[in-house]
Every structure is written in structure tokens, then in C-alpha cells.
Amino acid sequence: MSPQGKQLSPAEIAALEHAFSSDPTSGAWRALTEAYVAMGRFMEAMVACKKGAKAHPEDPSARVLLASVYAAQGKDRKALDELAEALQAHPRDAAANRMAGLLQLKLGEKDAGVAALQKAALADPADPETLEALRKWGIPLPQPKPPPVLERTAPPPP
């Protein structure tokens, strides 16, 4: 959301709206989406975020932000749909896996939620939000798989 959860002033919102309308591909869409969510203006948040996601299809954080807009409205299944799209293109994205895991746990889908949170932890072992979620839900920190051991073979006899 906006820095330190601070709501932006009307002048700051107006500046973001102007920047966004002048160039929807600029980074203003993200800050504007977050500001709208903080104010409870979900329809405007979805419009800005969808335009940002369309302008930046390679950026999984755009879909994660859109999922957070849906989740803020209690539309958890719709949020999971957005996260599934993000994870299809970026299966190791820590934020998308973390959010998917938390939503799945909230919806009672324990196995899927645990797996997603563990994927998030493997993707970013130092992420404090993921570590806190693992602790809160009593999920063990996953251990990375060791690399495969290659057997040495003797050279063929001469």
C-alpha cells in the first residue's frame, strides 16, 4: 500500500491521477492503485491496476497487486485466479506464492496453502512476510533439495 500505510492527500492523489492519465504505462498506476485501495475505492483501484497489468504483462507483481485488490474486497477466489495467472508465468514468484498460500489457508485448503508458502520461502528465504506467515501457521521452514550427486565412472579400459 502507500508508504507506511499513510493515506495520500487529495493533491497527491490528483498528481497520481494526472500522471496515470498522461501515461498509463508509467509507474503511477501502482501507487494510484495502492492509494485507491487505502481509501476503499476498489472500482478505481481495479481499473488502474488492470491497465497497469496490461501495460506490464511480464511483471508478476501487477497481478499480485490486482489479487490484493480482490482480496481486500473479500473476493478470495477471484484473487486466487489472478495469482494462478501470475504463477503460471512465474512459478517461483515469492509474493504470488505467499499470497496464494495465505488465501488457500484462509479458505481451508491446507495442503495447497502449505505448499505455496513453502515455495515462497524457497524462492526468497529471507522474506520477513513469508517467514512470519510460516510461523503464524506453524509450517516448518522448507529445506532446499541438495543438488544431485553425480556418480563417477571409471574410464573404459584401453
Protein backbone atom coordinates (compact mmCIF):
# COMPACT_ATOMS: atom_id res chain seq x y z
CA MET A 1 0.00 0.00 0.00
CA SER A 2 1.07 3.60 0.25
CA PRO A 3 4.27 4.23 2.23
CA GLN A 4 3.84 3.29 5.91
CA GLY A 5 0.09 2.87 5.30
CA LYS A 6 -0.26 6.67 5.09
CA GLN A 7 -3.23 7.92 3.13
CA LEU A 8 -2.27 10.34 0.43
CA SER A 9 -3.59 13.88 0.33
CA PRO A 10 -6.11 14.93 -2.32
CA ALA A 11 -3.32 16.84 -4.08
CA GLU A 12 -1.10 13.74 -4.12
CA ILE A 13 -3.98 11.64 -5.49
CA ALA A 14 -4.67 14.26 -8.16
CA ALA A 15 -0.99 14.25 -9.17
CA LEU A 16 -1.02 10.46 -9.47
CA GLU A 17 -4.25 10.54 -11.47
CA HIS A 18 -2.74 13.12 -13.81
CA ALA A 19 0.47 11.11 -14.24
CA PHE A 20 -1.55 7.95 -14.86
CA SER A 21 -3.88 9.57 -17.39
CA SER A 22 -0.92 11.17 -19.18
CA ASP A 23 0.98 7.87 -19.42
CA PRO A 24 -0.80 4.69 -18.29
CA THR A 25 2.40 2.72 -18.86
CA SER A 26 4.31 4.76 -16.25
CA GLY A 27 4.74 3.53 -12.71
CA ALA A 28 1.96 5.82 -11.47
CA TRP A 29 -0.62 3.04 -11.86
CA ARG A 30 0.89 1.10 -8.95
CA ALA A 31 0.89 4.00 -6.47
CA LEU A 32 -2.57 5.06 -7.65
CA THR A 33 -3.94 1.53 -7.20
CA GLU A 34 -2.49 1.35 -3.68
CA ALA A 35 -3.90 4.78 -2.80
CA TYR A 36 -7.35 3.85 -4.07
CA VAL A 37 -7.34 0.62 -2.05
CA ALA A 38 -6.31 2.53 1.09
CA MET A 39 -9.32 4.80 0.53
CA GLY A 40 -11.68 1.89 -0.15
CA ARG A 41 -12.17 2.96 -3.78
CA PHE A 42 -11.96 -0.55 -5.16
CA MET A 43 -13.50 0.03 -8.59
CA GLU A 44 -10.98 2.75 -9.40
CA ALA A 45 -8.20 0.56 -7.97
CA MET A 46 -9.19 -2.31 -10.28
CA VAL A 47 -9.32 -0.06 -13.34
CA ALA A 48 -5.88 1.44 -12.66
CA CYS A 49 -4.35 -1.92 -11.77
CA LYS A 50 -5.80 -3.73 -14.81
CA LYS A 51 -4.37 -1.04 -17.08
CA GLY A 52 -1.01 -1.36 -15.34
CA ALA A 53 -1.06 -5.15 -15.63
CA LYS A 54 -1.93 -4.88 -19.32
CA ALA A 55 0.92 -2.43 -19.89
CA HIS A 56 3.38 -4.65 -17.99
CA PRO A 57 2.38 -8.27 -18.73
CA GLU A 58 5.85 -9.55 -17.84
CA ASP A 59 5.62 -8.16 -14.29
CA PRO A 60 4.01 -10.68 -11.91
CA SER A 61 3.69 -8.02 -9.21
CA ALA A 62 0.96 -6.34 -11.27
CA ARG A 63 -1.25 -9.43 -10.99
CA VAL A 64 -0.31 -9.83 -7.32
CA LEU A 65 -1.44 -6.24 -6.70
CA LEU A 66 -4.68 -6.90 -8.58
CA ALA A 67 -5.18 -10.03 -6.46
CA SER A 68 -4.72 -7.90 -3.34
CA VAL A 69 -7.45 -5.54 -4.60
CA TYR A 70 -9.81 -8.50 -4.92
CA ALA A 71 -8.76 -9.90 -1.53
CA ALA A 72 -9.36 -6.51 0.12
CA GLN A 73 -12.96 -6.81 -1.07
CA GLY A 74 -13.31 -10.37 0.23
CA LYS A 75 -13.21 -11.83 -3.29
CA ASP A 76 -10.68 -14.50 -2.34
CA ARG A 77 -11.46 -16.90 -5.21
CA LYS A 78 -11.06 -14.11 -7.77
CA ALA A 79 -7.78 -13.18 -6.09
CA LEU A 80 -6.60 -16.80 -6.36
CA ASP A 81 -7.49 -16.78 -10.08
CA GLU A 82 -5.23 -13.75 -10.60
CA LEU A 83 -2.45 -15.37 -8.62
CA ALA A 84 -2.78 -18.56 -10.68
CA GLU A 85 -2.20 -16.47 -13.81
CA ALA A 86 0.86 -14.84 -12.26
CA LEU A 87 2.24 -18.19 -11.10
CA GLN A 88 1.67 -19.81 -14.47
CA ALA A 89 4.15 -17.36 -15.98
CA HIS A 90 6.37 -17.01 -12.89
CA PRO A 91 6.05 -20.16 -10.75
CA ARG A 92 8.82 -19.14 -8.33
CA ASP A 93 7.50 -15.65 -7.56
CA ALA A 94 7.69 -15.35 -3.78
CA ALA A 95 4.97 -12.72 -3.34
CA ALA A 96 2.47 -14.57 -5.54
CA ASN A 97 3.14 -17.87 -3.79
CA ARG A 98 2.91 -16.25 -0.34
CA MET A 99 -0.39 -14.56 -1.09
CA ALA A 100 -1.81 -17.69 -2.72
CA GLY A 101 -0.77 -19.75 0.28
CA LEU A 102 -2.35 -17.37 2.77
CA LEU A 103 -5.61 -17.25 0.80
CA GLN A 104 -5.70 -21.02 0.45
CA LEU A 105 -5.15 -21.47 4.18
CA LYS A 106 -7.89 -18.92 4.88
CA LEU A 107 -10.23 -20.89 2.61
CA GLY A 108 -9.39 -24.17 4.36
CA GLU A 109 -7.18 -25.56 1.58
CA LYS A 110 -4.41 -26.56 3.97
CA ASP A 111 -2.21 -28.75 1.73
CA ALA A 112 -2.19 -26.26 -1.14
CA GLY A 113 -1.61 -23.35 1.24
CA VAL A 114 1.31 -25.05 2.98
CA ALA A 115 2.88 -25.96 -0.37
CA ALA A 116 2.53 -22.41 -1.69
CA LEU A 117 4.03 -20.85 1.44
CA GLN A 118 6.93 -23.28 1.31
CA LYS A 119 7.52 -22.39 -2.37
CA ALA A 120 7.57 -18.74 -1.35
CA ALA A 121 10.14 -19.49 1.36
CA LEU A 122 12.34 -21.42 -1.06
CA ALA A 123 12.13 -18.59 -3.59
CA ASP A 124 13.06 -15.93 -1.02
CA PRO A 125 14.34 -17.47 2.24
CA ALA A 126 14.87 -14.07 3.90
CA ASP A 127 11.43 -12.58 3.16
CA PRO A 128 10.07 -11.45 6.55
CA GLU A 129 6.40 -11.66 5.47
CA THR A 130 6.79 -15.26 4.36
CA LEU A 131 8.72 -16.20 7.49
CA GLU A 132 6.01 -14.61 9.65
CA ALA A 133 3.28 -16.49 7.76
CA LEU A 134 5.12 -19.80 8.22
CA ARG A 135 5.49 -19.09 11.94
CA LYS A 136 1.87 -17.99 12.34
CA TRP A 137 0.52 -21.13 10.66
CA GLY A 138 3.04 -23.48 12.31
CA ILE A 139 4.54 -24.52 8.99
CA PRO A 140 8.13 -25.78 9.05
CA LEU A 141 10.69 -23.92 7.02
CA PRO A 142 11.36 -26.00 3.91
CA GLN A 143 14.82 -27.34 3.32
CA PRO A 144 16.26 -26.80 -0.15
CA LYS A 145 16.85 -30.00 -2.06
CA PRO A 146 20.53 -30.84 -2.32
CA PRO A 147 21.95 -30.97 -5.82
CA PRO A 148 22.05 -34.43 -7.36
CA VAL A 149 25.21 -36.41 -6.77
CA LEU A 150 26.88 -37.39 -9.99
CA GLU A 151 28.45 -40.82 -9.96
CA ARG A 152 31.95 -41.04 -11.22
CA THR A 153 32.53 -43.82 -13.61
CA ALA A 154 35.85 -45.37 -14.37
CA PRO A 155 37.16 -44.72 -17.85
CA PRO A 156 36.77 -47.66 -20.21
CA PRO A 157 39.79 -49.98 -20.32
CA PRO A 158 42.25 -49.29 -23.15
